[in-house]
Protein backbone atom coordinates (compact mmCIF):
# COMPACT_ATOMS: atom_id res chain seq x y z
CA MET A 1 83.60 131.74 26.55
CA ARG A 2 83.97 134.27 29.00
CA ASN A 3 87.03 132.76 30.51
CA ILE A 4 88.66 132.70 27.21
CA LEU A 5 87.78 136.68 26.55
CA GLN A 6 89.30 137.34 30.01
CA PHE A 7 92.33 135.52 29.11
CA LEU A 8 92.89 137.13 25.58
CA ILE A 9 92.04 140.73 27.10
CA LYS A 10 94.35 140.02 29.93
CA TYR A 11 97.28 138.78 27.64
CA GLN A 12 96.47 140.95 24.51
CA PHE A 13 99.95 142.64 24.46
CA LEU A 14 101.69 139.76 25.05
CA LEU A 15 99.87 137.60 22.38
CA LEU A 16 100.37 140.32 20.10
CA PHE A 17 103.92 140.50 20.72
CA LEU A 18 104.40 136.90 19.91
CA LEU A 19 102.30 136.90 17.03
CA LEU A 20 104.24 139.65 15.45
CA GLU A 21 107.47 138.23 16.52
CA THR A 22 106.40 134.85 14.76
CA ILE A 23 105.55 136.78 11.49
CA ALA A 24 108.96 138.50 11.79
CA ILE A 25 110.79 135.42 12.22
CA SER A 26 109.07 133.66 9.19
CA LEU A 27 109.76 136.70 7.04
CA VAL A 28 113.39 136.66 7.73
CA ILE A 29 113.85 132.69 7.32
CA ARG A 30 111.55 133.10 4.31
CA TYR A 31 113.79 135.86 2.36
CA ASN A 32 117.02 135.08 3.74
CA TYR A 33 119.00 132.19 2.43
CA TYR A 34 121.21 131.86 5.18
CA HIS A 35 118.70 131.84 7.95
CA GLN A 36 116.65 129.46 5.96
CA LEU A 37 119.58 126.87 6.04
CA SER A 38 119.98 127.44 9.44
CA TYR A 39 116.43 127.02 10.28
CA LEU A 40 116.23 123.70 8.31
CA ASN A 41 119.43 122.35 9.77
CA PHE A 42 117.97 123.05 13.41
CA ALA A 43 114.65 121.50 12.43
CA GLN A 44 116.23 118.47 10.93
CA LYS A 45 118.26 117.87 14.37
CA TRP A 46 115.47 118.50 16.26
CA HIS A 47 113.24 116.08 14.27
CA ALA A 48 116.07 113.55 14.31
CA SER A 49 116.26 113.84 18.12
CA VAL A 50 112.50 113.39 18.74
CA SER A 51 112.50 110.15 16.34
CA LEU A 52 115.68 108.73 18.11
CA LYS A 53 113.87 109.14 21.63
CA LYS A 54 110.47 107.79 20.27
CA GLU A 55 112.52 104.75 18.75
CA ARG A 56 114.00 104.24 21.89
CA ILE A 57 111.01 104.17 23.84
CA LYS A 58 109.38 101.73 21.28
CA GLN A 59 112.49 99.59 21.86
CA TYR A 60 111.83 99.82 25.46
CA LEU A 61 108.40 98.58 25.37
CA LYS A 62 109.33 95.97 23.14
CA LEU A 63 111.86 94.33 25.47
CA LYS A 64 109.49 91.92 27.04
CA THR A 65 108.26 90.45 23.54
CA VAL A 66 112.16 90.57 22.66
CA ASN A 67 113.03 88.58 25.82
CA GLU A 68 110.47 86.10 25.37
CA ARG A 69 111.44 85.31 21.82
CA LEU A 70 115.14 85.04 22.81
CA VAL A 71 114.32 82.64 25.67
CA ALA A 72 112.17 80.53 23.54
CA GLU A 73 115.00 80.24 20.86
CA ASN A 74 117.35 79.42 23.29
CA GLU A 75 114.97 76.72 24.43
CA SER A 76 114.86 75.16 20.83
CA LEU A 77 118.68 75.56 20.41
CA ARG A 78 119.18 73.56 23.72
CA ASN A 79 116.96 70.81 22.53
CA GLU A 80 118.47 70.83 19.23
CA LEU A 81 122.30 70.56 20.57
CA ALA A 82 120.95 67.68 22.87
CA PHE A 83 119.71 65.85 19.82
CA TYR A 84 122.63 66.39 17.91
CA LYS A 85 125.13 65.47 20.77
CA LYS A 86 123.19 62.32 21.18
CA ALA A 87 123.16 61.50 17.46
CA PHE A 88 127.15 62.20 17.38
CA ASN A 89 127.87 59.94 20.29
CA LYS A 90 125.71 57.17 18.62
CA GLN A 91 127.96 57.22 15.78
CA SER A 92 131.11 57.61 17.45
CA GLU A 93 130.11 54.87 20.23
CA GLN A 94 130.83 57.13 22.96
CA ARG A 95 129.05 57.88 26.11
CA ASN A 96 128.59 61.36 27.44
CA ILE A 97 126.07 62.22 30.26
CA ASP A 98 125.65 65.74 28.84
CA SER A 99 124.14 64.29 25.59
CA THR A 100 121.58 61.95 26.87
CA ASN A 101 117.87 62.03 26.30
CA LEU A 102 117.84 65.57 27.48
CA ARG A 103 114.80 67.92 26.69
CA PHE A 104 114.57 71.71 27.92
CA LEU A 105 111.28 73.47 28.94
CA VAL A 106 111.64 77.11 29.53
CA ALA A 107 109.68 78.61 32.36
CA LYS A 108 109.53 82.28 33.93
CA VAL A 109 110.16 82.90 37.43
CA ILE A 110 107.08 84.81 39.01
CA ASN A 111 108.10 84.78 42.71
CA SER A 112 111.45 84.25 44.71
CA SER A 113 113.60 84.94 47.91
CA VAL A 114 117.21 84.87 48.56
CA HIS A 115 117.69 86.20 52.24
CA LEU A 116 115.91 83.22 54.15
CA PRO A 117 117.48 80.03 55.31
CA TYR A 118 115.30 77.97 53.28
CA ASN A 119 114.43 80.06 50.04
CA TYR A 120 112.20 78.83 47.17
CA LEU A 121 111.28 79.88 43.52
CA THR A 122 107.70 79.76 42.10
CA LEU A 123 107.50 79.11 38.04
CA ASP A 124 104.89 79.79 35.73
CA LYS A 125 104.77 76.21 34.26
CA GLY A 126 103.18 73.00 35.75
CA THR A 127 102.01 69.67 35.23
CA GLU A 128 99.99 70.82 32.01
CA GLU A 129 103.22 71.85 30.25
CA GLY A 130 104.89 68.48 31.39
CA VAL A 131 106.76 69.76 34.68
CA GLN A 132 107.34 66.83 37.42
CA PRO A 133 108.94 67.06 40.71
CA ASN A 134 112.54 66.15 40.98
CA MET A 135 113.34 67.98 37.47
CA ALA A 136 116.68 69.97 37.37
CA VAL A 137 116.26 73.38 36.91
CA ILE A 138 118.99 75.75 35.34
CA CYS A 139 119.49 78.96 33.32
CA ASP A 140 122.05 80.51 31.10
CA GLN A 141 124.40 81.30 33.95
CA GLY A 142 124.22 77.84 35.52
CA ILE A 143 122.60 75.77 38.19
CA VAL A 144 119.39 76.96 39.75
CA GLY A 145 117.79 74.12 41.82
CA VAL A 146 115.50 71.25 41.64
CA VAL A 147 111.42 71.11 41.50
CA ILE A 148 109.83 69.88 44.72
CA ALA A 149 106.19 70.60 44.20
CA VAL A 150 103.82 71.05 40.97
CA SER A 151 100.30 72.21 40.46
CA LYS A 152 98.37 72.48 36.98
CA HIS A 153 99.98 75.88 36.19
CA PHE A 154 102.78 76.39 38.55
CA SER A 155 105.70 74.71 40.27
CA VAL A 156 107.86 75.30 43.31
CA VAL A 157 111.79 75.02 43.04
CA MET A 158 114.04 74.42 45.79
CA PRO A 159 117.10 76.58 44.71
CA VAL A 160 120.70 76.43 45.41
CA LEU A 161 120.00 78.87 48.20
CA ASN A 162 118.32 76.53 50.36
CA LYS A 163 120.15 74.97 53.37
CA LYS A 164 118.52 71.27 52.46
CA PHE A 165 119.98 71.63 48.95
CA ARG A 166 122.77 69.39 48.11
CA VAL A 167 124.51 68.24 44.79
CA SER A 168 127.32 66.23 43.64
CA ALA A 169 130.14 68.80 42.18
CA LYS A 170 133.58 68.57 40.83
CA PHE A 171 136.37 70.26 39.63
CA LYS A 172 136.40 70.99 35.96
CA LYS A 173 140.00 70.60 35.30
CA ASN A 174 140.76 67.17 37.43
CA ASN A 175 137.26 65.68 37.93
CA TYR A 176 137.77 65.35 41.69
CA PHE A 177 134.43 65.47 43.17
CA GLY A 178 132.59 66.51 46.47
CA SER A 179 129.43 67.63 48.02
CA PHE A 180 128.20 71.15 47.36
CA GLU A 181 125.76 73.23 49.45
CA TRP A 182 124.93 76.86 50.24
CA SER A 183 126.83 78.69 52.82
CA GLY A 184 123.63 79.99 54.33
CA ASN A 185 124.69 83.66 54.39
CA ASN A 186 125.79 85.07 51.13
CA TYR A 187 123.70 84.61 48.43
CA ARG A 188 126.57 84.63 45.84
CA ILE A 189 128.56 82.06 48.06
CA GLY A 190 128.40 78.17 48.23
CA VAL A 191 130.57 75.51 49.90
CA LEU A 192 132.30 72.62 48.28
CA ASN A 193 133.20 69.78 50.92
CA ASP A 194 135.00 66.46 50.85
CA ILE A 195 137.89 67.41 48.59
CA PRO A 196 141.08 65.57 49.87
CA LEU A 197 144.14 67.66 50.74
CA HIS A 198 146.17 66.21 48.09
CA VAL A 199 144.01 67.85 45.35
CA PRO A 200 145.38 70.91 43.76
CA VAL A 201 142.96 73.82 44.48
CA ALA A 202 143.59 77.27 43.19
CA LYS A 203 141.42 80.59 43.17
CA GLY A 204 139.45 80.55 40.02
CA ASP A 205 139.07 76.94 39.58
CA THR A 206 135.63 76.19 37.76
CA ILE A 207 133.29 73.79 39.75
CA ILE A 208 130.63 71.92 37.72
CA THR A 209 127.99 69.27 38.45
CA SER A 210 129.46 65.70 38.53
CA GLY A 211 126.65 64.01 36.81
CA TYR A 212 126.55 61.59 39.81
CA SER A 213 123.16 63.17 41.00
CA ASN A 214 120.03 61.60 39.65
CA ILE A 215 118.88 64.96 38.71
CA PHE A 216 121.48 67.17 37.43
CA PRO A 217 123.46 66.08 34.36
CA GLU A 218 127.35 66.33 34.06
CA GLY A 219 128.88 69.66 33.07
CA ILE A 220 126.30 72.18 34.48
CA MET A 221 128.05 75.38 35.78
CA ILE A 222 127.98 76.03 39.47
CA GLY A 223 130.75 78.74 40.21
CA VAL A 224 134.34 79.39 40.67
CA VAL A 225 136.54 78.87 43.67
CA GLU A 226 136.64 82.20 45.89
CA ASP A 227 138.89 80.69 48.61
CA PHE A 228 139.53 77.88 50.67
CA SER A 229 140.62 76.60 53.90
CA VAL A 230 141.41 73.20 55.73
CA SER A 231 138.51 71.68 57.40
CA MET A 232 138.62 68.60 60.02
CA GLY A 233 142.48 68.11 59.10
CA THR A 234 141.93 65.83 56.05
CA PHE A 235 139.76 67.80 53.64
CA TYR A 236 139.32 71.25 52.04
CA SER A 237 136.24 73.76 52.76
CA ILE A 238 136.08 75.57 49.43
CA ASN A 239 134.01 78.63 49.05
CA VAL A 240 132.62 78.84 45.71
CA ARG A 241 131.19 82.02 44.03
CA LEU A 242 128.12 81.30 42.22
CA THR A 243 127.71 82.21 38.58
CA THR A 244 123.93 82.36 38.89
CA ASP A 245 122.57 85.68 40.20
CA PHE A 246 119.44 84.80 41.85
CA LYS A 247 118.68 88.56 42.48
CA ASN A 248 118.55 88.78 38.53
CA LEU A 249 116.91 85.37 37.77
CA TYR A 250 113.77 85.74 35.38
CA TYR A 251 113.90 82.83 32.92
CA VAL A 252 114.97 79.16 33.73
CA TYR A 253 115.17 75.92 32.05
CA LEU A 254 113.68 72.84 33.41
CA ILE A 255 115.65 69.68 32.06
CA THR A 256 113.83 66.27 31.34
CA ASP A 257 116.16 63.23 31.04
CA ASN A 258 114.11 60.50 29.49
CA SER A 259 116.55 57.85 30.73
CA LEU A 260 116.25 58.93 34.26
CA ASN A 261 113.60 56.45 35.26
CA GLU A 262 115.43 53.54 34.07
CA ARG A 263 118.63 54.72 35.69
CA THR A 264 116.68 55.28 39.01
CA THR A 265 114.84 52.03 39.07
CA LEU A 266 118.16 50.18 38.43
CA GLU A 267 120.17 51.80 41.10
CA ASN A 268 117.07 51.40 43.76
CA SER A 269 116.73 47.74 42.80
CA VAL A 270 120.43 47.16 43.71
CA THR A 271 119.96 49.15 47.04
CA ASN A 272 117.00 47.42 48.31
CA GLU A 273 118.67 43.92 48.02
């Protein structure tokens, strides 16, 4: 109480001035139509500005929820697309690897690295959600990697950015295929090997998965040709800019192929003879 009194005594003239100023302004606004309109206009603009900022803050705080809803919706749409493609192919009696018994499971990246020779990702889904080793992992931008280890609630992925990673890839324009791997230096650049010199190659060509892998279906985006050179005199060494930005990777899709076991069993039976 004493501090309040001391404050009032110390600043009594300033407080009195502010009080009188407030009364004067209120009287001017109350009895002058022009000033009243000006005040109302200012008040409305100020209120609108504050409301807009509050709404933007609310929207920002809701981004996580919105993103999770969108990812869940994408998961559902991918599954529906695979189903209808399969149904269409049955009716037209055509075979398309992209429309086999594929199911998509969404997961969140909770740990990752990009600058090591052998990088790995950790996902927040495990065996309890149906995740198994050797499941393909993709995102909305393209290829991501392969599941190599699974626990009850988590899984570890070997991404493209790992010197052990290999996948069969091809040109979208002409279906010539080769072996794709990471360059080991730039996290945005991979290398496509084993492409013969007679194959027409141009900067900007699209590279996708070939479907010859037992893990990745055909048609998953890998990247575009950055540049190329001759390797060993008979093949190209083609630098491919990855479409997947591993520094901005939050949600991924794990692919379950219900026909994979049948295919793998058949191919192994022939190989082991």
